């Protein structure tokens, strides 16, 4: 059974000692209130505050207020509750970003990877598919290496080297690195070249697939 909630006025409050007494609205004897009996207060109690509370009896038979709330003030979450809420929000954002990244990768790689797989199935030529996988892994590592050196002021990987790796099939790894490592994603001049490389791969494989699947002459 849920404990009954009472209402009363705080008639005595000794702030330096953290306790006081509530006079219940129904006229019973005063109820002792300790600061620890307040539920997540967002300010200190004051005389004449209206208190909503539940009554417990300690081992000495003394009536004490518990789960008390100052009427008219919203209860403030505890640090632990704030930390849990923050952690949940961060986890939710991470899951959302991860899910979005997966869909972006699938969308961009649909024709290049699909074309490479189809080529391998009809000619047993796995070179394009292997290049995409190996170069993407290598390019991702180069991005991570370059970002690490950017932070420490050490020798950087030349942008031409990164673009050559992207052109050789590592653009998918570069895209994932840009999204997860936040590297090279805000430099406009770099992004123009990067997306030109991505467009080239997508258009090449789109044309190849349409030609071989639908016998269309390009």
N, C-alpha and C. Protein backbone atom coordinates (compact mmCIF):
# COMPACT_ATOMS: atom_id res chain seq x y z
N UNK A 1 0.84 -1.19 0.00
CA UNK A 1 0.00 0.00 0.00
C UNK A 1 0.88 1.25 0.00
N UNK A 2 0.57 2.22 -0.84
CA UNK A 2 1.38 3.42 -0.95
C UNK A 2 1.19 4.29 0.28
N UNK A 3 2.31 4.77 0.90
CA UNK A 3 2.21 5.63 2.09
C UNK A 3 1.40 6.88 1.80
N UNK A 4 0.66 7.33 2.81
CA UNK A 4 -0.18 8.51 2.66
C UNK A 4 0.68 9.77 2.65
N UNK A 5 0.32 10.72 1.79
CA UNK A 5 1.03 11.99 1.72
C UNK A 5 0.29 13.02 2.55
N UNK A 6 1.03 13.70 3.44
CA UNK A 6 0.45 14.72 4.32
C UNK A 6 0.92 16.10 3.86
N UNK A 7 0.25 17.11 4.41
CA UNK A 7 0.58 18.48 4.05
C UNK A 7 0.61 19.33 5.31
N UNK A 8 1.60 20.21 5.39
CA UNK A 8 1.69 21.06 6.57
C UNK A 8 2.59 22.25 6.32
N UNK A 9 2.66 23.12 7.36
CA UNK A 9 3.46 24.33 7.26
C UNK A 9 4.70 24.22 8.13
N UNK A 10 5.82 24.64 7.59
CA UNK A 10 7.07 24.62 8.34
C UNK A 10 7.07 25.81 9.30
N UNK A 11 6.93 25.53 10.58
CA UNK A 11 6.83 26.61 11.58
C UNK A 11 8.17 26.90 12.24
N UNK A 12 9.06 25.92 12.23
CA UNK A 12 10.39 26.10 12.82
C UNK A 12 11.42 25.54 11.86
N UNK A 13 12.47 26.31 11.61
CA UNK A 13 13.56 25.78 10.79
C UNK A 13 14.90 26.35 11.25
N UNK A 14 15.77 25.48 11.72
CA UNK A 14 17.12 25.86 12.14
C UNK A 14 18.09 25.46 11.04
N UNK A 15 18.35 26.42 10.16
CA UNK A 15 19.10 26.12 8.94
C UNK A 15 20.53 25.66 9.23
N UNK A 16 21.15 26.27 10.27
CA UNK A 16 22.54 25.90 10.56
C UNK A 16 22.66 24.47 11.05
N UNK A 17 21.58 23.93 11.60
CA UNK A 17 21.59 22.54 12.09
C UNK A 17 20.83 21.59 11.17
N UNK A 18 20.12 22.16 10.20
CA UNK A 18 19.49 21.33 9.17
C UNK A 18 18.25 20.58 9.62
N UNK A 19 17.46 21.17 10.56
CA UNK A 19 16.21 20.49 10.93
C UNK A 19 15.18 21.53 11.35
N UNK A 20 13.93 21.07 11.43
CA UNK A 20 12.85 21.94 11.86
C UNK A 20 11.61 21.13 12.14
N UNK A 21 10.45 21.81 12.25
CA UNK A 21 9.20 21.12 12.58
C UNK A 21 8.07 21.59 11.67
N UNK A 22 7.25 20.62 11.27
CA UNK A 22 6.10 20.89 10.41
C UNK A 22 4.84 20.81 11.25
N UNK A 23 3.96 21.82 11.09
CA UNK A 23 2.64 21.76 11.73
C UNK A 23 1.65 21.22 10.70
N UNK A 24 1.15 20.00 10.92
CA UNK A 24 0.24 19.39 9.93
C UNK A 24 -1.06 20.18 9.80
N UNK A 25 -1.64 20.14 8.62
CA UNK A 25 -2.90 20.85 8.37
C UNK A 25 -4.05 20.28 9.18
N UNK A 26 -3.95 18.96 9.51
CA UNK A 26 -5.06 18.33 10.23
C UNK A 26 -4.95 18.53 11.74
N UNK A 27 -3.95 19.28 12.22
CA UNK A 27 -3.89 19.68 13.63
C UNK A 27 -3.21 18.71 14.56
N UNK A 28 -2.61 17.63 14.08
CA UNK A 28 -1.88 16.71 14.95
C UNK A 28 -0.62 17.37 15.47
N UNK A 29 0.12 16.62 16.28
CA UNK A 29 1.37 17.15 16.83
C UNK A 29 2.39 17.39 15.72
N UNK A 30 3.30 18.33 15.99
CA UNK A 30 4.30 18.69 15.00
C UNK A 30 5.15 17.49 14.59
N UNK A 31 5.59 17.53 13.34
CA UNK A 31 6.39 16.44 12.79
C UNK A 31 7.81 16.95 12.54
N UNK A 32 8.77 16.17 13.01
CA UNK A 32 10.19 16.54 12.86
C UNK A 32 10.62 16.38 11.39
N UNK A 33 11.35 17.37 10.89
CA UNK A 33 11.88 17.32 9.52
C UNK A 33 13.38 17.58 9.54
N UNK A 34 14.12 16.62 9.03
CA UNK A 34 15.58 16.80 8.86
C UNK A 34 15.84 17.07 7.38
N UNK A 35 16.92 17.79 7.10
CA UNK A 35 17.23 18.15 5.72
C UNK A 35 17.36 16.92 4.83
N UNK A 36 17.77 15.79 5.42
CA UNK A 36 17.91 14.56 4.64
C UNK A 36 16.55 13.96 4.27
N UNK A 37 15.48 14.45 4.92
CA UNK A 37 14.15 13.95 4.60
C UNK A 37 13.54 14.61 3.38
N UNK A 38 14.20 15.67 2.90
CA UNK A 38 13.72 16.33 1.68
C UNK A 38 14.18 15.58 0.45
N UNK A 39 13.31 15.43 -0.51
CA UNK A 39 13.61 14.67 -1.72
C UNK A 39 14.14 15.60 -2.80
N UNK A 40 15.46 15.54 -3.03
CA UNK A 40 16.12 16.31 -4.08
C UNK A 40 15.71 17.79 -4.06
N UNK A 41 15.97 18.50 -2.95
CA UNK A 41 15.55 19.92 -2.90
C UNK A 41 16.39 20.78 -3.83
N UNK A 42 15.75 21.82 -4.40
CA UNK A 42 16.51 22.76 -5.21
C UNK A 42 16.76 24.07 -4.47
N UNK A 43 16.31 24.12 -3.20
CA UNK A 43 16.67 25.23 -2.30
C UNK A 43 16.49 24.79 -0.86
N UNK A 44 17.03 25.58 0.07
CA UNK A 44 16.90 25.26 1.49
C UNK A 44 15.49 25.62 1.96
N UNK A 45 14.96 24.86 2.90
CA UNK A 45 13.63 25.18 3.44
C UNK A 45 13.65 26.50 4.20
N UNK A 46 12.48 27.12 4.29
CA UNK A 46 12.31 28.37 5.03
C UNK A 46 11.03 28.28 5.84
N UNK A 47 10.99 29.03 6.97
CA UNK A 47 9.78 29.08 7.78
C UNK A 47 8.61 29.57 6.92
N UNK A 48 7.45 28.96 7.13
CA UNK A 48 6.19 29.22 6.41
C UNK A 48 6.09 28.47 5.08
N UNK A 49 7.14 27.72 4.71
CA UNK A 49 7.02 26.87 3.52
C UNK A 49 5.93 25.82 3.74
N UNK A 50 5.21 25.50 2.68
CA UNK A 50 4.23 24.41 2.73
C UNK A 50 4.96 23.14 2.29
N UNK A 51 4.89 22.12 3.13
CA UNK A 51 5.63 20.88 2.89
C UNK A 51 4.67 19.73 2.63
N UNK A 52 4.92 18.98 1.58
CA UNK A 52 4.24 17.71 1.32
C UNK A 52 5.17 16.61 1.77
N UNK A 53 4.68 15.68 2.57
CA UNK A 53 5.58 14.69 3.16
C UNK A 53 4.84 13.40 3.52
N UNK A 54 5.62 12.39 3.83
CA UNK A 54 5.12 11.14 4.37
C UNK A 54 5.66 10.98 5.78
N UNK A 55 4.98 10.24 6.61
CA UNK A 55 5.38 10.11 8.02
C UNK A 55 5.97 8.74 8.28
N UNK A 56 7.12 8.74 8.95
CA UNK A 56 7.72 7.51 9.45
C UNK A 56 7.97 7.67 10.93
N UNK A 57 8.11 6.56 11.62
CA UNK A 57 8.37 6.59 13.07
C UNK A 57 9.71 5.93 13.32
N UNK A 58 10.64 6.64 14.00
CA UNK A 58 11.96 6.07 14.25
C UNK A 58 11.92 5.12 15.42
N UNK A 59 13.08 4.57 15.78
CA UNK A 59 13.13 3.55 16.85
C UNK A 59 12.84 4.12 18.23
N UNK A 60 12.77 5.45 18.33
CA UNK A 60 12.43 6.09 19.60
C UNK A 60 10.94 6.49 19.63
N UNK A 61 10.22 6.13 18.58
CA UNK A 61 8.81 6.47 18.51
C UNK A 61 8.54 7.89 18.07
N UNK A 62 9.55 8.54 17.53
CA UNK A 62 9.42 9.93 17.11
C UNK A 62 8.95 10.00 15.67
N UNK A 63 7.93 10.83 15.42
CA UNK A 63 7.39 10.99 14.06
C UNK A 63 8.33 11.89 13.24
N UNK A 64 8.71 11.38 12.08
CA UNK A 64 9.62 12.11 11.21
C UNK A 64 9.02 12.24 9.81
N UNK A 65 9.32 13.33 9.15
CA UNK A 65 8.88 13.52 7.77
C UNK A 65 9.90 12.90 6.82
N UNK A 66 9.42 12.21 5.81
CA UNK A 66 10.30 11.61 4.80
C UNK A 66 9.72 11.88 3.42
N UNK A 67 10.57 11.72 2.41
CA UNK A 67 10.14 11.99 1.02
C UNK A 67 9.42 13.34 0.93
N UNK A 68 9.94 14.32 1.64
CA UNK A 68 9.30 15.62 1.70
C UNK A 68 9.66 16.48 0.48
N UNK A 69 8.69 17.31 0.08
CA UNK A 69 8.87 18.23 -1.04
C UNK A 69 8.31 19.58 -0.64
N UNK A 70 9.05 20.64 -0.95
CA UNK A 70 8.55 21.99 -0.70
C UNK A 70 7.55 22.33 -1.80
N UNK A 71 6.33 22.63 -1.43
CA UNK A 71 5.29 22.92 -2.41
C UNK A 71 5.67 24.15 -3.24
N UNK A 72 5.45 24.05 -4.55
CA UNK A 72 5.74 25.17 -5.43
C UNK A 72 7.15 25.17 -5.99
N UNK A 73 7.93 24.20 -5.58
CA UNK A 73 9.28 24.07 -6.14
C UNK A 73 9.41 22.70 -6.76
N UNK A 74 10.01 22.65 -7.95
CA UNK A 74 10.21 21.36 -8.62
C UNK A 74 11.36 20.65 -7.96
N UNK A 75 11.22 19.36 -7.80
CA UNK A 75 12.31 18.59 -7.22
C UNK A 75 13.46 18.51 -8.21
N UNK A 76 14.66 18.62 -7.70
CA UNK A 76 15.84 18.64 -8.54
C UNK A 76 16.47 17.27 -8.55
N UNK A 77 16.81 16.72 -9.70
CA UNK A 77 17.44 15.40 -9.76
C UNK A 77 18.76 15.39 -9.00
N UNK A 78 19.05 14.26 -8.39
CA UNK A 78 20.33 14.12 -7.69
C UNK A 78 21.46 14.00 -8.70
N UNK A 79 22.72 14.21 -8.27
CA UNK A 79 23.85 14.05 -9.18
C UNK A 79 23.88 12.68 -9.86
N UNK A 80 23.53 11.64 -9.12
CA UNK A 80 23.53 10.30 -9.72
C UNK A 80 22.47 10.20 -10.81
N UNK A 81 21.29 10.79 -10.53
CA UNK A 81 20.22 10.76 -11.53
C UNK A 81 20.60 11.56 -12.76
N UNK A 82 21.26 12.72 -12.54
CA UNK A 82 21.71 13.53 -13.67
C UNK A 82 22.74 12.79 -14.49
N UNK A 83 23.66 12.08 -13.79
CA UNK A 83 24.69 11.32 -14.49
C UNK A 83 24.08 10.19 -15.31
N UNK A 84 23.07 9.51 -14.73
CA UNK A 84 22.41 8.43 -15.46
C UNK A 84 21.67 8.97 -16.68
N UNK A 85 20.97 10.10 -16.49
CA UNK A 85 20.24 10.70 -17.60
C UNK A 85 21.18 11.13 -18.71
N UNK A 86 22.30 11.74 -18.29
CA UNK A 86 23.30 12.19 -19.27
C UNK A 86 23.88 11.00 -20.03
N UNK A 87 24.17 9.91 -19.28
CA UNK A 87 24.74 8.72 -19.91
C UNK A 87 23.75 8.10 -20.90
N UNK A 88 22.46 8.10 -20.53
CA UNK A 88 21.44 7.55 -21.42
C UNK A 88 21.33 8.38 -22.70
N UNK A 89 21.37 9.72 -22.53
CA UNK A 89 21.28 10.59 -23.70
C UNK A 89 22.48 10.40 -24.61
N UNK A 90 23.67 10.31 -24.01
CA UNK A 90 24.86 10.12 -24.81
C UNK A 90 24.82 8.78 -25.54
N UNK A 91 24.36 7.73 -24.80
CA UNK A 91 24.24 6.42 -25.43
C UNK A 91 23.25 6.42 -26.57
N UNK A 92 22.13 7.15 -26.38
CA UNK A 92 21.12 7.24 -27.43
C UNK A 92 21.66 7.97 -28.65
N UNK A 93 22.42 9.06 -28.40
CA UNK A 93 23.00 9.82 -29.51
C UNK A 93 24.01 8.97 -30.27
N UNK A 94 24.82 8.20 -29.52
CA UNK A 94 25.82 7.35 -30.17
C UNK A 94 25.16 6.29 -31.03
N UNK A 95 24.08 5.70 -30.49
CA UNK A 95 23.37 4.67 -31.27
C UNK A 95 22.76 5.27 -32.53
N UNK A 96 22.20 6.49 -32.39
CA UNK A 96 21.60 7.16 -33.54
C UNK A 96 22.66 7.46 -34.60
N UNK A 97 23.81 7.99 -34.15
CA UNK A 97 24.89 8.31 -35.08
C UNK A 97 25.44 7.05 -35.74
N UNK A 98 25.56 5.98 -34.97
CA UNK A 98 26.07 4.72 -35.52
C UNK A 98 25.11 4.16 -36.55
N UNK A 99 23.82 4.22 -36.23
CA UNK A 99 22.80 3.73 -37.17
C UNK A 99 22.80 4.55 -38.45
N UNK A 100 22.93 5.88 -38.31
CA UNK A 100 22.96 6.75 -39.48
C UNK A 100 24.19 6.47 -40.33
N UNK A 101 25.33 6.25 -39.68
CA UNK A 101 26.57 5.96 -40.40
C UNK A 101 26.45 4.67 -41.20
N UNK A 102 25.83 3.66 -40.60
CA UNK A 102 25.64 2.38 -41.30
C UNK A 102 24.83 2.58 -42.57
N UNK A 103 23.73 3.35 -42.47
CA UNK A 103 22.89 3.58 -43.64
C UNK A 103 23.62 4.41 -44.70
N UNK A 104 24.42 5.37 -44.26
CA UNK A 104 25.18 6.18 -45.21
C UNK A 104 26.20 5.32 -45.96
N UNK A 105 26.89 4.44 -45.22
CA UNK A 105 27.89 3.57 -45.84
C UNK A 105 27.22 2.62 -46.83
N UNK A 106 26.08 2.05 -46.43
CA UNK A 106 25.36 1.14 -47.33
C UNK A 106 24.91 1.86 -48.60
N UNK A 107 24.43 3.07 -48.44
CA UNK A 107 23.95 3.84 -49.60
C UNK A 107 25.10 4.16 -50.55
N UNK A 108 26.22 4.65 -50.02
CA UNK A 108 27.35 5.05 -50.87
C UNK A 108 28.03 3.85 -51.53
N UNK A 109 28.04 2.73 -50.82
CA UNK A 109 28.76 1.56 -51.34
C UNK A 109 27.88 0.62 -52.17
N UNK A 110 26.60 0.97 -52.34
CA UNK A 110 25.67 0.08 -53.03
C UNK A 110 26.16 -0.31 -54.41
N UNK A 111 26.48 0.66 -55.25
CA UNK A 111 26.93 0.36 -56.61
C UNK A 111 28.39 -0.11 -56.68
N UNK A 112 29.33 0.58 -55.97
CA UNK A 112 30.72 0.11 -56.04
C UNK A 112 30.92 -1.30 -55.50
N UNK A 113 30.40 -1.59 -54.33
CA UNK A 113 30.57 -2.92 -53.75
C UNK A 113 29.71 -3.93 -54.50
N UNK A 114 28.47 -3.52 -54.84
CA UNK A 114 27.60 -4.42 -55.60
C UNK A 114 28.21 -4.77 -56.95
N UNK A 115 28.79 -3.78 -57.60
CA UNK A 115 29.44 -4.04 -58.89
C UNK A 115 30.65 -4.93 -58.75
N UNK A 116 31.45 -4.72 -57.69
CA UNK A 116 32.64 -5.55 -57.47
C UNK A 116 32.26 -7.00 -57.19
N UNK A 117 31.19 -7.18 -56.40
CA UNK A 117 30.73 -8.53 -56.09
C UNK A 117 30.21 -9.21 -57.36
N UNK A 118 29.45 -8.47 -58.16
CA UNK A 118 28.92 -9.04 -59.40
C UNK A 118 30.05 -9.41 -60.36
N UNK A 119 31.06 -8.54 -60.46
CA UNK A 119 32.22 -8.82 -61.30
C UNK A 119 32.92 -10.08 -60.85
N UNK A 120 33.08 -10.23 -59.55
CA UNK A 120 33.74 -11.43 -59.01
C UNK A 120 32.93 -12.68 -59.29
N UNK A 121 31.59 -12.55 -59.27
CA UNK A 121 30.74 -13.73 -59.47
C UNK A 121 30.74 -14.22 -60.92
N UNK A 122 30.96 -13.30 -61.87
CA UNK A 122 30.89 -13.72 -63.28
C UNK A 122 32.26 -13.92 -63.93
N UNK A 123 33.30 -13.37 -63.30
CA UNK A 123 34.64 -13.48 -63.90
C UNK A 123 35.68 -14.06 -62.95
N UNK A 124 35.29 -14.28 -61.68
CA UNK A 124 36.23 -14.72 -60.64
C UNK A 124 37.38 -13.72 -60.43
N UNK A 125 37.14 -12.48 -60.77
CA UNK A 125 38.12 -11.41 -60.56
C UNK A 125 37.76 -10.67 -59.26
N UNK A 126 38.54 -10.99 -58.22
CA UNK A 126 38.25 -10.41 -56.91
C UNK A 126 39.08 -9.16 -56.61
N UNK A 127 39.87 -8.74 -57.57
CA UNK A 127 40.79 -7.62 -57.32
C UNK A 127 40.06 -6.34 -56.90
N UNK A 128 39.01 -5.88 -57.62
CA UNK A 128 38.33 -4.65 -57.19
C UNK A 128 37.75 -4.75 -55.78
N UNK A 129 37.14 -5.91 -55.47
CA UNK A 129 36.54 -6.08 -54.15
C UNK A 129 37.62 -6.06 -53.06
N UNK A 130 38.73 -6.78 -53.32
CA UNK A 130 39.82 -6.80 -52.35
C UNK A 130 40.46 -5.42 -52.19
N UNK A 131 40.53 -4.67 -53.29
CA UNK A 131 41.08 -3.32 -53.22
C UNK A 131 40.22 -2.42 -52.34
N UNK A 132 38.91 -2.52 -52.51
CA UNK A 132 38.01 -1.71 -51.69
C UNK A 132 38.19 -2.02 -50.20
N UNK A 133 38.27 -3.30 -49.88
CA UNK A 133 38.39 -3.69 -48.48
C UNK A 133 39.75 -3.31 -47.90
N UNK A 134 40.83 -3.67 -48.60
CA UNK A 134 42.17 -3.41 -48.08
C UNK A 134 42.51 -1.93 -48.06
N UNK A 135 42.18 -1.21 -49.13
CA UNK A 135 42.50 0.20 -49.20
C UNK A 135 41.64 1.02 -48.24
N UNK A 136 40.42 0.58 -48.01
CA UNK A 136 39.59 1.29 -47.03
C UNK A 136 40.18 1.17 -45.63
N UNK A 137 40.65 -0.04 -45.31
CA UNK A 137 41.30 -0.24 -44.01
C UNK A 137 42.56 0.60 -43.88
N UNK A 138 43.38 0.60 -44.94
CA UNK A 138 44.63 1.37 -44.93
C UNK A 138 44.35 2.87 -44.82
N UNK A 139 43.38 3.34 -45.59
CA UNK A 139 43.06 4.77 -45.58
C UNK A 139 42.53 5.21 -44.22
N UNK A 140 41.72 4.38 -43.61
CA UNK A 140 41.22 4.71 -42.26
C UNK A 140 42.40 4.87 -41.29
N UNK A 141 43.37 3.95 -41.36
CA UNK A 141 44.53 4.02 -40.49
C UNK A 141 45.36 5.27 -40.77
N UNK A 142 45.47 5.66 -42.04
CA UNK A 142 46.21 6.87 -42.39
C UNK A 142 45.52 8.11 -41.83
N UNK A 143 44.19 8.13 -41.88
CA UNK A 143 43.44 9.24 -41.29
C UNK A 143 43.70 9.33 -39.78
N UNK A 144 43.63 8.18 -39.11
CA UNK A 144 43.85 8.15 -37.66
C UNK A 144 45.27 8.61 -37.33
N UNK A 145 46.24 8.15 -38.12
CA UNK A 145 47.64 8.53 -37.93
C UNK A 145 47.81 10.03 -38.14
N UNK A 146 47.18 10.57 -39.18
CA UNK A 146 47.31 11.99 -39.49
C UNK A 146 46.67 12.86 -38.41
N UNK A 147 45.52 12.43 -37.89
CA UNK A 147 44.88 13.21 -36.84
C UNK A 147 45.71 13.20 -35.58
N UNK A 148 46.29 12.05 -35.25
CA UNK A 148 47.15 11.95 -34.06
C UNK A 148 48.34 12.89 -34.18
N UNK A 149 48.95 12.93 -35.36
CA UNK A 149 50.11 13.80 -35.56
C UNK A 149 49.70 15.28 -35.61
N UNK A 150 48.48 15.55 -36.05
CA UNK A 150 47.99 16.93 -36.07
C UNK A 150 47.88 17.48 -34.65
N UNK A 151 47.52 16.61 -33.72
CA UNK A 151 47.39 17.04 -32.32
C UNK A 151 48.75 17.30 -31.68
N UNK A 152 49.74 16.50 -32.06
CA UNK A 152 51.06 16.61 -31.42
C UNK A 152 52.02 17.48 -32.21
N UNK A 153 51.61 17.93 -33.41
CA UNK A 153 52.47 18.80 -34.21
C UNK A 153 53.57 18.05 -34.94
N UNK A 154 53.41 16.73 -35.10
CA UNK A 154 54.42 15.94 -35.79
C UNK A 154 54.16 15.94 -37.30
N UNK A 155 55.00 15.19 -38.01
CA UNK A 155 54.91 15.13 -39.48
C UNK A 155 53.56 14.61 -39.90
N UNK A 156 52.91 15.31 -40.84
CA UNK A 156 51.57 14.98 -41.30
C UNK A 156 51.62 14.16 -42.59
N UNK A 157 50.58 13.39 -42.81
CA UNK A 157 50.42 12.67 -44.08
C UNK A 157 49.96 13.66 -45.15
N UNK A 158 50.66 13.77 -46.27
CA UNK A 158 50.24 14.73 -47.31
C UNK A 158 48.83 14.44 -47.81
N UNK A 159 48.09 15.49 -48.10
CA UNK A 159 46.71 15.32 -48.59
C UNK A 159 46.69 14.57 -49.91
N UNK A 160 47.72 14.76 -50.75
CA UNK A 160 47.78 14.04 -52.03
C UNK A 160 47.84 12.54 -51.80
N UNK A 161 48.58 12.13 -50.76
CA UNK A 161 48.68 10.70 -50.43
C UNK A 161 47.32 10.16 -50.02
N UNK A 162 46.59 10.91 -49.20
CA UNK A 162 45.26 10.48 -48.77
C UNK A 162 44.31 10.38 -49.96
N UNK A 163 44.37 11.36 -50.85
CA UNK A 163 43.48 11.33 -52.03
C UNK A 163 43.83 10.18 -52.98
N UNK A 164 45.11 9.87 -53.12
CA UNK A 164 45.51 8.73 -53.97
C UNK A 164 44.99 7.42 -53.39
N UNK A 165 45.06 7.30 -52.07
CA UNK A 165 44.52 6.09 -51.42
C UNK A 165 43.02 6.01 -51.60
N UNK A 166 42.34 7.14 -51.53
CA UNK A 166 40.89 7.17 -51.74
C UNK A 166 40.55 6.78 -53.18
N UNK A 167 41.32 7.30 -54.11
CA UNK A 167 41.09 6.99 -55.53
C UNK A 167 41.33 5.52 -55.81
N UNK A 168 42.29 4.93 -55.10
CA UNK A 168 42.63 3.51 -55.30
C UNK A 168 41.64 2.56 -54.64
N UNK A 169 40.58 3.11 -54.05
CA UNK A 169 39.54 2.27 -53.46
C UNK A 169 39.32 2.51 -51.98
N UNK A 170 40.12 3.41 -51.39
CA UNK A 170 39.99 3.63 -49.94
C UNK A 170 39.03 4.72 -49.54
N UNK A 171 38.24 5.23 -50.49
CA UNK A 171 37.34 6.34 -50.17
C UNK A 171 36.28 5.97 -49.13
N UNK A 172 35.87 4.70 -49.11
CA UNK A 172 34.87 4.28 -48.13
C UNK A 172 35.44 4.33 -46.71
N UNK A 173 36.70 3.87 -46.58
CA UNK A 173 37.37 3.97 -45.28
C UNK A 173 37.58 5.41 -44.88
N UNK A 174 37.86 6.27 -45.88
CA UNK A 174 38.04 7.69 -45.61
C UNK A 174 36.73 8.31 -45.11
N UNK A 175 35.62 7.92 -45.73
CA UNK A 175 34.32 8.45 -45.32
C UNK A 175 34.01 8.07 -43.87
N UNK A 176 34.26 6.80 -43.53
CA UNK A 176 34.02 6.34 -42.16
C UNK A 176 34.92 7.09 -41.18
N UNK A 177 36.18 7.31 -41.58
CA UNK A 177 37.12 8.03 -40.72
C UNK A 177 36.67 9.47 -40.50
N UNK A 178 36.19 10.10 -41.56
CA UNK A 178 35.71 11.48 -41.44
C UNK A 178 34.55 11.58 -40.46
N UNK A 179 33.66 10.60 -40.51
CA UNK A 179 32.49 10.63 -39.63
C UNK A 179 32.83 10.26 -38.19
N UNK A 180 33.70 9.31 -37.98
CA UNK A 180 33.99 8.82 -36.63
C UNK A 180 35.14 9.57 -35.95
N UNK A 181 36.13 9.97 -36.74
CA UNK A 181 37.30 10.65 -36.17
C UNK A 181 37.20 12.17 -36.26
N UNK A 182 36.23 12.67 -37.01
CA UNK A 182 36.06 14.11 -37.21
C UNK A 182 37.34 14.73 -37.78
N UNK A 183 37.86 14.09 -38.82
CA UNK A 183 39.11 14.55 -39.43
C UNK A 183 38.89 14.80 -40.92
N UNK A 184 39.34 15.95 -41.39
CA UNK A 184 39.22 16.37 -42.79
C UNK A 184 37.77 16.58 -43.24
N UNK A 185 36.86 16.60 -42.29
CA UNK A 185 35.44 16.70 -42.67
C UNK A 185 34.95 18.13 -42.80
N UNK A 186 35.72 19.10 -42.34
CA UNK A 186 35.28 20.49 -42.39
C UNK A 186 36.12 21.36 -43.31
N UNK A 187 37.12 20.78 -43.97
CA UNK A 187 37.96 21.54 -44.89
C UNK A 187 37.35 21.46 -46.29
N UNK A 188 36.81 22.57 -46.76
CA UNK A 188 36.05 22.59 -48.01
C UNK A 188 36.87 22.14 -49.22
N UNK A 189 38.10 22.63 -49.34
CA UNK A 189 38.92 22.26 -50.50
C UNK A 189 39.19 20.76 -50.53
N UNK A 190 39.38 20.18 -49.37
CA UNK A 190 39.62 18.74 -49.30
C UNK A 190 38.35 17.97 -49.64
N UNK A 191 37.22 18.44 -49.13
CA UNK A 191 35.96 17.76 -49.36
C UNK A 191 35.55 17.75 -50.83
N UNK A 192 35.88 18.82 -51.55
CA UNK A 192 35.55 18.88 -52.98
C UNK A 192 36.24 17.76 -53.74
N UNK A 193 37.53 17.58 -53.48
CA UNK A 193 38.29 16.51 -54.16
C UNK A 193 37.78 15.14 -53.70
N UNK A 194 37.54 15.00 -52.41
CA UNK A 194 37.08 13.72 -51.86
C UNK A 194 35.77 13.29 -52.52
N UNK A 195 34.80 14.18 -52.57
CA UNK A 195 33.50 13.81 -53.12
C UNK A 195 33.54 13.62 -54.63
N UNK A 196 34.49 14.27 -55.29
CA UNK A 196 34.69 14.01 -56.72
C UNK A 196 35.15 12.58 -56.94
N UNK A 197 36.03 12.10 -56.04
CA UNK A 197 36.52 10.72 -56.11
C UNK A 197 35.37 9.75 -55.84
N UNK A 198 34.57 10.05 -54.84
CA UNK A 198 33.42 9.19 -54.51
C UNK A 198 32.46 9.12 -55.69
N UNK A 199 32.17 10.28 -56.29
CA UNK A 199 31.26 10.33 -57.43
C UNK A 199 31.80 9.52 -58.60
N UNK A 200 33.11 9.59 -58.82
CA UNK A 200 33.71 8.82 -59.91
C UNK A 200 33.49 7.33 -59.73
N UNK A 201 33.75 6.83 -58.52
CA UNK A 201 33.57 5.39 -58.25
C UNK A 201 32.11 4.98 -58.41
N UNK A 202 31.20 5.78 -57.87
CA UNK A 202 29.78 5.44 -57.95
C UNK A 202 29.29 5.44 -59.39
N UNK A 203 29.66 6.45 -60.15
CA UNK A 203 29.21 6.54 -61.54
C UNK A 203 29.82 5.43 -62.40
N UNK A 204 31.11 5.11 -62.15
CA UNK A 204 31.75 4.05 -62.93
C UNK A 204 31.03 2.72 -62.73
N UNK A 205 30.78 2.36 -61.48
CA UNK A 205 30.16 1.07 -61.21
C UNK A 205 28.68 1.06 -61.56
N UNK A 206 28.02 2.21 -61.44
CA UNK A 206 26.61 2.30 -61.86
C UNK A 206 26.50 2.01 -63.35
N UNK A 207 27.38 2.64 -64.14
CA UNK A 207 27.38 2.42 -65.59
C UNK A 207 27.70 0.97 -65.92
N UNK A 208 28.67 0.42 -65.21
CA UNK A 208 29.06 -0.98 -65.47
C UNK A 208 27.92 -1.94 -65.16
N UNK A 209 27.24 -1.73 -64.03
CA UNK A 209 26.14 -2.61 -63.65
C UNK A 209 24.99 -2.52 -64.63
N UNK A 210 24.61 -1.30 -65.02
CA UNK A 210 23.51 -1.14 -65.97
C UNK A 210 23.86 -1.79 -67.31
N UNK A 211 25.10 -1.69 -67.71
CA UNK A 211 25.52 -2.26 -68.99
C UNK A 211 25.43 -3.77 -68.97
N UNK A 212 25.89 -4.40 -67.86
CA UNK A 212 25.94 -5.86 -67.81
C UNK A 212 24.65 -6.50 -67.34
N UNK A 213 23.87 -5.78 -66.53
CA UNK A 213 22.62 -6.36 -66.05
C UNK A 213 21.47 -6.15 -67.03
N UNK A 214 21.50 -5.03 -67.75
CA UNK A 214 20.38 -4.70 -68.64
C UNK A 214 20.81 -4.63 -70.12
N UNK A 215 22.07 -5.03 -70.37
CA UNK A 215 22.60 -5.04 -71.73
C UNK A 215 22.47 -3.67 -72.41
N UNK A 216 22.74 -2.64 -71.62
CA UNK A 216 22.68 -1.27 -72.15
C UNK A 216 24.08 -0.86 -72.59
N UNK A 217 24.16 -0.36 -73.79
CA UNK A 217 25.46 0.11 -74.28
C UNK A 217 25.73 1.52 -73.76
N UNK A 218 26.87 1.66 -73.12
CA UNK A 218 27.26 2.97 -72.55
C UNK A 218 28.17 3.68 -73.53
